[in-house]
C-alpha atoms as a PDB file:
ATOM      1  CA  UNK A   1     -58.424 -13.504  24.940  1.00  0.00           C
ATOM      2  CA  UNK A   2     -58.274 -15.052  21.512  1.00  0.00           C
ATOM      3  CA  UNK A   3     -54.832 -14.949  19.900  1.00  0.00           C
ATOM      4  CA  UNK A   4     -55.695 -12.348  17.577  1.00  0.00           C
ATOM      5  CA  UNK A   5     -56.453 -10.016  20.334  1.00  0.00           C
ATOM      6  CA  UNK A   6     -52.560 -10.025  21.631  1.00  0.00           C
ATOM      7  CA  UNK A   7     -51.375 -10.199  18.045  1.00  0.00           C
ATOM      8  CA  UNK A   8     -53.063  -6.864  17.611  1.00  0.00           C
ATOM      9  CA  UNK A   9     -52.071  -5.299  20.891  1.00  0.00           C
ATOM     10  CA  UNK A  10     -48.287  -5.953  19.840  1.00  0.00           C
ATOM     11  CA  UNK A  11     -48.649  -4.822  16.123  1.00  0.00           C
ATOM     12  CA  UNK A  12     -50.532  -1.617  17.526  1.00  0.00           C
ATOM     13  CA  UNK A  13     -48.064  -1.008  20.174  1.00  0.00           C
ATOM     14  CA  UNK A  14     -50.835  -1.219  22.784  1.00  0.00           C
ATOM     15  CA  UNK A  15     -48.627  -2.648  25.393  1.00  0.00           C
ATOM     16  CA  UNK A  16     -49.245  -1.076  28.732  1.00  0.00           C
ATOM     17  CA  UNK A  17     -48.648  -4.542  30.207  1.00  0.00           C
ATOM     18  CA  UNK A  18     -44.961  -4.432  29.408  1.00  0.00           C
ATOM     19  CA  UNK A  19     -42.333  -2.931  31.939  1.00  0.00           C
ATOM     20  CA  UNK A  20     -39.712  -0.879  30.922  1.00  0.00           C
ATOM     21  CA  UNK A  21     -37.497  -2.199  33.960  1.00  0.00           C
ATOM     22  CA  UNK A  22     -36.818  -5.742  35.559  1.00  0.00           C
ATOM     23  CA  UNK A  23     -39.575  -6.627  37.703  1.00  0.00           C
ATOM     24  CA  UNK A  24     -38.818  -5.806  41.294  1.00  0.00           C
ATOM     25  CA  UNK A  25     -40.543  -8.684  42.924  1.00  0.00           C
ATOM     26  CA  UNK A  26     -38.182 -10.917  40.414  1.00  0.00           C
ATOM     27  CA  UNK A  27     -35.469  -9.300  42.181  1.00  0.00           C
ATOM     28  CA  UNK A  28     -36.644  -9.798  45.813  1.00  0.00           C
ATOM     29  CA  UNK A  29     -37.947 -13.454  45.297  1.00  0.00           C
ATOM     30  CA  UNK A  30     -36.140 -15.151  43.089  1.00  0.00           C
ATOM     31  CA  UNK A  31     -33.358 -16.068  45.492  1.00  0.00           C
ATOM     32  CA  UNK A  32     -36.177 -17.671  47.525  1.00  0.00           C
ATOM     33  CA  UNK A  33     -35.965 -20.386  45.160  1.00  0.00           C
ATOM     34  CA  UNK A  34     -32.333 -21.246  45.980  1.00  0.00           C
ATOM     35  CA  UNK A  35     -31.446 -22.259  42.544  1.00  0.00           C
ATOM     36  CA  UNK A  36     -28.106 -23.225  41.198  1.00  0.00           C
ATOM     37  CA  UNK A  37     -27.040 -20.609  38.884  1.00  0.00           C
ATOM     38  CA  UNK A  38     -26.933 -23.224  35.845  1.00  0.00           C
ATOM     39  CA  UNK A  39     -30.247 -24.158  36.399  1.00  0.00           C
ATOM     40  CA  UNK A  40     -32.728 -24.274  33.130  1.00  0.00           C
ATOM     41  CA  UNK A  41     -35.751 -21.598  33.384  1.00  0.00           C
ATOM     42  CA  UNK A  42     -39.114 -21.370  31.341  1.00  0.00           C
ATOM     43  CA  UNK A  43     -40.785 -18.061  30.559  1.00  0.00           C
ATOM     44  CA  UNK A  44     -44.341 -18.783  29.239  1.00  0.00           C
ATOM     45  CA  UNK A  45     -45.901 -15.568  27.545  1.00  0.00           C
ATOM     46  CA  UNK A  46     -42.410 -13.983  27.809  1.00  0.00           C
ATOM     47  CA  UNK A  47     -43.209 -10.822  25.419  1.00  0.00           C
ATOM     48  CA  UNK A  48     -40.128  -8.973  25.126  1.00  0.00           C
ATOM     49  CA  UNK A  49     -39.406  -8.846  29.023  1.00  0.00           C
ATOM     50  CA  UNK A  50     -36.120  -7.502  30.166  1.00  0.00           C
ATOM     51  CA  UNK A  51     -36.675 -10.545  33.057  1.00  0.00           C
ATOM     52  CA  UNK A  52     -35.582 -12.818  30.147  1.00  0.00           C
ATOM     53  CA  UNK A  53     -32.084 -10.762  30.414  1.00  0.00           C
ATOM     54  CA  UNK A  54     -32.146 -10.753  34.180  1.00  0.00           C
ATOM     55  CA  UNK A  55     -32.450 -14.192  34.563  1.00  0.00           C
ATOM     56  CA  UNK A  56     -29.499 -15.077  31.995  1.00  0.00           C
ATOM     57  CA  UNK A  57     -27.302 -12.944  33.818  1.00  0.00           C
ATOM     58  CA  UNK A  58     -27.785 -15.026  36.793  1.00  0.00           C
ATOM     59  CA  UNK A  59     -26.306 -18.044  35.124  1.00  0.00           C
ATOM     60  CA  UNK A  60     -29.544 -19.507  33.927  1.00  0.00           C
ATOM     61  CA  UNK A  61     -30.378 -21.120  30.649  1.00  0.00           C
ATOM     62  CA  UNK A  62     -33.606 -19.222  29.655  1.00  0.00           C
ATOM     63  CA  UNK A  63     -36.231 -20.460  27.759  1.00  0.00           C
ATOM     64  CA  UNK A  64     -39.707 -18.491  26.888  1.00  0.00           C
ATOM     65  CA  UNK A  65     -42.807 -18.839  24.347  1.00  0.00           C
ATOM     66  CA  UNK A  66     -44.312 -16.087  22.888  1.00  0.00           C
ATOM     67  CA  UNK A  67     -47.246 -15.587  20.220  1.00  0.00           C
ATOM     68  CA  UNK A  68     -45.874 -12.536  18.270  1.00  0.00           C
ATOM     69  CA  UNK A  69     -43.407 -12.123  16.378  1.00  0.00           C
ATOM     70  CA  UNK A  70     -43.169  -8.553  16.702  1.00  0.00           C
ATOM     71  CA  UNK A  71     -42.499  -8.766  20.450  1.00  0.00           C
ATOM     72  CA  UNK A  72     -39.550 -11.278  19.912  1.00  0.00           C
ATOM     73  CA  UNK A  73     -38.237  -9.077  16.991  1.00  0.00           C
ATOM     74  CA  UNK A  74     -38.450  -6.000  19.011  1.00  0.00           C
ATOM     75  CA  UNK A  75     -36.449  -7.750  21.990  1.00  0.00           C
ATOM     76  CA  UNK A  76     -33.691  -8.951  19.868  1.00  0.00           C
ATOM     77  CA  UNK A  77     -33.386  -5.498  18.243  1.00  0.00           C
ATOM     78  CA  UNK A  78     -33.464  -3.436  21.253  1.00  0.00           C
ATOM     79  CA  UNK A  79     -30.988  -5.223  23.253  1.00  0.00           C
ATOM     80  CA  UNK A  80     -28.731  -5.911  20.259  1.00  0.00           C
ATOM     81  CA  UNK A  81     -29.118  -9.843  20.719  1.00  0.00           C
ATOM     82  CA  UNK A  82     -27.837 -11.763  17.477  1.00  0.00           C
ATOM     83  CA  UNK A  83     -30.487 -14.403  17.810  1.00  0.00           C
ATOM     84  CA  UNK A  84     -30.041 -17.032  14.956  1.00  0.00           C
ATOM     85  CA  UNK A  85     -33.762 -17.762  13.649  1.00  0.00           C
ATOM     86  CA  UNK A  86     -34.835 -21.206  12.809  1.00  0.00           C
ATOM     87  CA  UNK A  87     -38.041 -23.071  12.000  1.00  0.00           C
ATOM     88  CA  UNK A  88     -38.471 -26.291  14.189  1.00  0.00           C
ATOM     89  CA  UNK A  89     -42.086 -27.461  13.856  1.00  0.00           C
ATOM     90  CA  UNK A  90     -44.787 -25.376  14.693  1.00  0.00           C
ATOM     91  CA  UNK A  91     -42.247 -22.674  16.045  1.00  0.00           C
ATOM     92  CA  UNK A  92     -39.989 -19.953  15.024  1.00  0.00           C
ATOM     93  CA  UNK A  93     -37.096 -20.433  17.300  1.00  0.00           C
ATOM     94  CA  UNK A  94     -34.684 -17.677  18.171  1.00  0.00           C
ATOM     95  CA  UNK A  95     -31.812 -18.887  19.867  1.00  0.00           C
ATOM     96  CA  UNK A  96     -28.287 -16.997  21.578  1.00  0.00           C
ATOM     97  CA  UNK A  97     -26.118 -18.571  24.152  1.00  0.00           C
ATOM     98  CA  UNK A  98     -28.168 -19.149  27.277  1.00  0.00           C
ATOM     99  CA  UNK A  99     -31.587 -17.795  25.632  1.00  0.00           C
ATOM    100  CA  UNK A 100     -34.002 -20.073  23.642  1.00  0.00           C
ATOM    101  CA  UNK A 101     -37.545 -18.221  22.181  1.00  0.00           C
ATOM    102  CA  UNK A 102     -39.995 -20.185  21.000  1.00  0.00           C
ATOM    103  CA  UNK A 103     -42.651 -17.915  18.566  1.00  0.00           C
ATOM    104  CA  UNK A 104     -46.043 -20.021  18.355  1.00  0.00           C
ATOM    105  CA  UNK A 105     -48.487 -21.386  20.215  1.00  0.00           C
ATOM    106  CA  UNK A 106     -47.927 -21.897  24.058  1.00  0.00           C
ATOM    107  CA  UNK A 107     -50.225 -25.154  23.962  1.00  0.00           C
ATOM    108  CA  UNK A 108     -48.057 -26.713  21.109  1.00  0.00           C
ATOM    109  CA  UNK A 109     -45.038 -26.718  23.024  1.00  0.00           C
ATOM    110  CA  UNK A 110     -43.977 -30.233  24.176  1.00  0.00           C
ATOM    111  CA  UNK A 111     -41.861 -31.281  27.115  1.00  0.00           C
ATOM    112  CA  UNK A 112     -39.875 -33.351  24.530  1.00  0.00           C
ATOM    113  CA  UNK A 113     -39.053 -29.825  22.681  1.00  0.00           C
ATOM    114  CA  UNK A 114     -38.826 -27.925  26.006  1.00  0.00           C
ATOM    115  CA  UNK A 115     -36.516 -30.183  27.805  1.00  0.00           C
ATOM    116  CA  UNK A 116     -35.810 -30.178  31.643  1.00  0.00           C
ATOM    117  CA  UNK A 117     -36.863 -27.171  33.776  1.00  0.00           C
ATOM    118  CA  UNK A 118     -35.993 -26.657  36.939  1.00  0.00           C
ATOM    119  CA  UNK A 119     -37.878 -23.481  37.520  1.00  0.00           C
ATOM    120  CA  UNK A 120     -40.995 -21.599  35.851  1.00  0.00           C
ATOM    121  CA  UNK A 121     -41.341 -17.758  36.047  1.00  0.00           C
ATOM    122  CA  UNK A 122     -44.622 -16.696  35.897  1.00  0.00           C
ATOM    123  CA  UNK A 123     -45.329 -12.618  35.893  1.00  0.00           C
ATOM    124  CA  UNK A 124     -47.630 -12.034  33.027  1.00  0.00           C
ATOM    125  CA  UNK A 125     -49.094 -15.329  31.822  1.00  0.00           C
ATOM    126  CA  UNK A 126     -51.741 -16.563  34.238  1.00  0.00           C
ATOM    127  CA  UNK A 127     -53.257 -13.089  34.794  1.00  0.00           C
ATOM    128  CA  UNK A 128     -53.489 -12.708  31.117  1.00  0.00           C
ATOM    129  CA  UNK A 129     -56.094 -15.821  30.596  1.00  0.00           C
ATOM    130  CA  UNK A 130     -59.799 -15.235  31.240  1.00  0.00           C
ATOM    131  CA  UNK A 131     -61.469 -17.541  33.861  1.00  0.00           C
ATOM    132  CA  UNK A 132     -62.396 -19.889  31.649  1.00  0.00           C
ATOM    133  CA  UNK A 133     -59.104 -20.321  30.074  1.00  0.00           C
ATOM    134  CA  UNK A 134     -56.734 -20.714  33.242  1.00  0.00           C
ATOM    135  CA  UNK A 135     -57.142 -24.474  33.978  1.00  0.00           C
ATOM    136  CA  UNK A 136     -56.168 -25.348  30.395  1.00  0.00           C
ATOM    137  CA  UNK A 137     -53.427 -23.120  30.662  1.00  0.00           C
ATOM    138  CA  UNK A 138     -52.035 -24.857  34.145  1.00  0.00           C
ATOM    139  CA  UNK A 139     -52.707 -27.878  32.936  1.00  0.00           C
ATOM    140  CA  UNK A 140     -50.726 -27.829  30.051  1.00  0.00           C
ATOM    141  CA  UNK A 141     -47.946 -25.995  32.010  1.00  0.00           C
ATOM    142  CA  UNK A 142     -47.894 -28.689  34.472  1.00  0.00           C
ATOM    143  CA  UNK A 143     -47.255 -31.293  31.787  1.00  0.00           C
ATOM    144  CA  UNK A 144     -44.405 -29.448  30.395  1.00  0.00           C
ATOM    145  CA  UNK A 145     -42.430 -29.925  33.646  1.00  0.00           C
ATOM    146  CA  UNK A 146     -41.758 -32.658  36.557  1.00  0.00           C
ATOM    147  CA  UNK A 147     -42.311 -32.934  40.029  1.00  0.00           C
ATOM    148  CA  UNK A 148     -39.565 -30.603  42.226  1.00  0.00           C
ATOM    149  CA  UNK A 149     -39.919 -27.688  39.335  1.00  0.00           C
ATOM    150  CA  UNK A 150     -40.526 -24.540  41.262  1.00  0.00           C
ATOM    151  CA  UNK A 151     -42.725 -21.214  39.890  1.00  0.00           C
ATOM    152  CA  UNK A 152     -42.170 -17.993  41.171  1.00  0.00           C
ATOM    153  CA  UNK A 153     -45.949 -16.536  40.045  1.00  0.00           C
ATOM    154  CA  UNK A 154     -46.965 -12.925  40.591  1.00  0.00           C
ATOM    155  CA  UNK A 155     -50.535 -12.474  40.653  1.00  0.00           C
ATOM    156  CA  UNK A 156     -52.815  -9.342  40.834  1.00  0.00           C
ATOM    157  CA  UNK A 157     -55.525  -8.851  43.078  1.00  0.00           C
ATOM    158  CA  UNK A 158     -58.529  -6.106  42.755  1.00  0.00           C
ATOM    159  CA  UNK A 159     -62.536  -6.226  43.085  1.00  0.00           C
ATOM    160  CA  UNK A 160     -63.569  -7.818  39.878  1.00  0.00           C
ATOM    161  CA  UNK A 161     -66.406  -5.787  39.603  1.00  0.00           C
ATOM    162  CA  UNK A 162     -64.278  -2.868  39.027  1.00  0.00           C
ATOM    163  CA  UNK A 163     -62.398  -3.737  35.887  1.00  0.00           C
ATOM    164  CA  UNK A 164     -62.766  -6.041  33.014  1.00  0.00           C
ATOM    165  CA  UNK A 165     -59.282  -7.814  32.589  1.00  0.00           C
ATOM    166  CA  UNK A 166     -56.665  -8.212  31.436  1.00  0.00           C
ATOM    167  CA  UNK A 167     -55.140  -8.511  33.671  1.00  0.00           C
ATOM    168  CA  UNK A 168     -57.601 -10.707  35.649  1.00  0.00           C
ATOM    169  CA  UNK A 169     -57.774 -10.715  39.410  1.00  0.00           C
ATOM    170  CA  UNK A 170     -56.469 -13.922  41.259  1.00  0.00           C
ATOM    171  CA  UNK A 171     -57.548 -14.626  44.479  1.00  0.00           C
ATOM    172  CA  UNK A 172     -55.791 -17.013  47.117  1.00  0.00           C
ATOM    173  CA  UNK A 173     -59.008 -19.334  46.535  1.00  0.00           C
ATOM    174  CA  UNK A 174     -58.498 -19.003  42.615  1.00  0.00           C
ATOM    175  CA  UNK A 175     -54.944 -20.004  43.057  1.00  0.00           C
ATOM    176  CA  UNK A 176     -55.415 -22.773  45.608  1.00  0.00           C
ATOM    177  CA  UNK A 177     -58.349 -24.339  42.901  1.00  0.00           C
ATOM    178  CA  UNK A 178     -55.857 -24.174  39.936  1.00  0.00           C
ATOM    179  CA  UNK A 179     -52.692 -25.782  41.756  1.00  0.00           C
ATOM    180  CA  UNK A 180     -53.369 -27.271  44.606  1.00  0.00           C
ATOM    181  CA  UNK A 181     -53.693 -30.655  43.279  1.00  0.00           C
ATOM    182  CA  UNK A 182     -50.096 -30.939  42.174  1.00  0.00           C
ATOM    183  CA  UNK A 183     -48.351 -28.182  43.686  1.00  0.00           C
ATOM    184  CA  UNK A 184     -47.513 -27.148  47.134  1.00  0.00           C
ATOM    185  CA  UNK A 185     -48.193 -23.285  47.555  1.00  0.00           C
ATOM    186  CA  UNK A 186     -46.559 -20.748  49.590  1.00  0.00           C
ATOM    187  CA  UNK A 187     -47.093 -17.090  49.875  1.00  0.00           C
ATOM    188  CA  UNK A 188     -44.274 -15.042  49.755  1.00  0.00           C
ATOM    189  CA  UNK A 189     -45.638 -11.460  49.945  1.00  0.00           C
ATOM    190  CA  UNK A 190     -48.445  -8.919  49.103  1.00  0.00           C
ATOM    191  CA  UNK A 191     -47.780  -5.281  47.719  1.00  0.00           C
ATOM    192  CA  UNK A 192     -50.145  -2.743  47.641  1.00  0.00           C
ATOM    193  CA  UNK A 193     -49.216  -1.243  44.158  1.00  0.00           C
ATOM    194  CA  UNK A 194     -52.373   1.233  42.832  1.00  0.00           C
ATOM    195  CA  UNK A 195     -50.302   4.587  43.204  1.00  0.00           C
ATOM    196  CA  UNK A 196     -47.810   2.843  40.701  1.00  0.00           C
ATOM    197  CA  UNK A 197     -50.286   1.689  38.446  1.00  0.00           C
ATOM    198  CA  UNK A 198     -52.110   5.020  37.055  1.00  0.00           C
ATOM    199  CA  UNK A 199     -53.216   3.373  33.999  1.00  0.00           C
ATOM    200  CA  UNK A 200     -55.247   0.736  35.847  1.00  0.00           C
ATOM    201  CA  UNK A 201     -56.041   3.556  38.405  1.00  0.00           C
ATOM    202  CA  UNK A 202     -57.865   5.402  35.736  1.00  0.00           C
ATOM    203  CA  UNK A 203     -60.036   2.550  34.404  1.00  0.00           C
ATOM    204  CA  UNK A 204     -61.794   2.649  37.919  1.00  0.00           C
ATOM    205  CA  UNK A 205     -59.635   0.421  40.531  1.00  0.00           C
ATOM    206  CA  UNK A 206     -59.527   1.658  44.077  1.00  0.00           C
ATOM    207  CA  UNK A 207     -57.251  -1.076  45.111  1.00  0.00           C
ATOM    208  CA  UNK A 208     -54.736  -3.075  43.371  1.00  0.00           C
ATOM    209  CA  UNK A 209     -52.132  -5.502  44.967  1.00  0.00           C
ATOM    210  CA  UNK A 210     -49.654  -7.902  43.778  1.00  0.00           C
ATOM    211  CA  UNK A 211     -49.253 -10.934  45.555  1.00  0.00           C
ATOM    212  CA  UNK A 212     -46.225 -13.377  45.057  1.00  0.00           C
ATOM    213  CA  UNK A 213     -45.966 -16.786  45.662  1.00  0.00           C
ATOM    214  CA  UNK A 214     -43.582 -19.948  45.204  1.00  0.00           C
ATOM    215  CA  UNK A 215     -45.033 -23.139  44.256  1.00  0.00           C
ATOM    216  CA  UNK A 216     -43.426 -26.373  43.792  1.00  0.00           C
ATOM    217  CA  UNK A 217     -44.734 -29.208  41.731  1.00  0.00           C
ATOM    218  CA  UNK A 218     -45.424 -32.467  43.569  1.00  0.00           C
END
């Protein structure tokens, strides 16, 4: 999707993808990464996710990147976060202890700007990209991290002919084609969720599952 699509969705509050609670799979599977509490974590296309706060509460230094200023300003206001805002190159940066959020283009973020990353949490980033844009996203994400970096990826699976994304479905074969050259891939669990997603069921889906992966950069 083009940037204006997402900016408009935030401006008009069409954000059905935003979860009003911490993601249940994050709670269940994050401990499987066996990360020390003070390790730095990166959340691409973070929106105003409550998962950011959950990760910070676990002692992680959390960095996120998000295109929409509405998302980040709402996040700070809704949770009483007194973030300092400054301009840094191509980004507006919102900073508070344990949390740094970059407002700008994900593809302009550099490893030098981001610094060391021990883990990536991807709940809603990869599934938001159209199929022709996924490879570029994964390539740039890989350039931001180093061997040993772990990723908790939450993908969705559904019959692609039943609905036009976002979210876009990602089969295991697609995950392999995108990541296998640079990551080891471990499936952690798959969960049937159609009855939990009436919004997507109303769009015509007859089956829907979330699949969680742990990937380690080689």
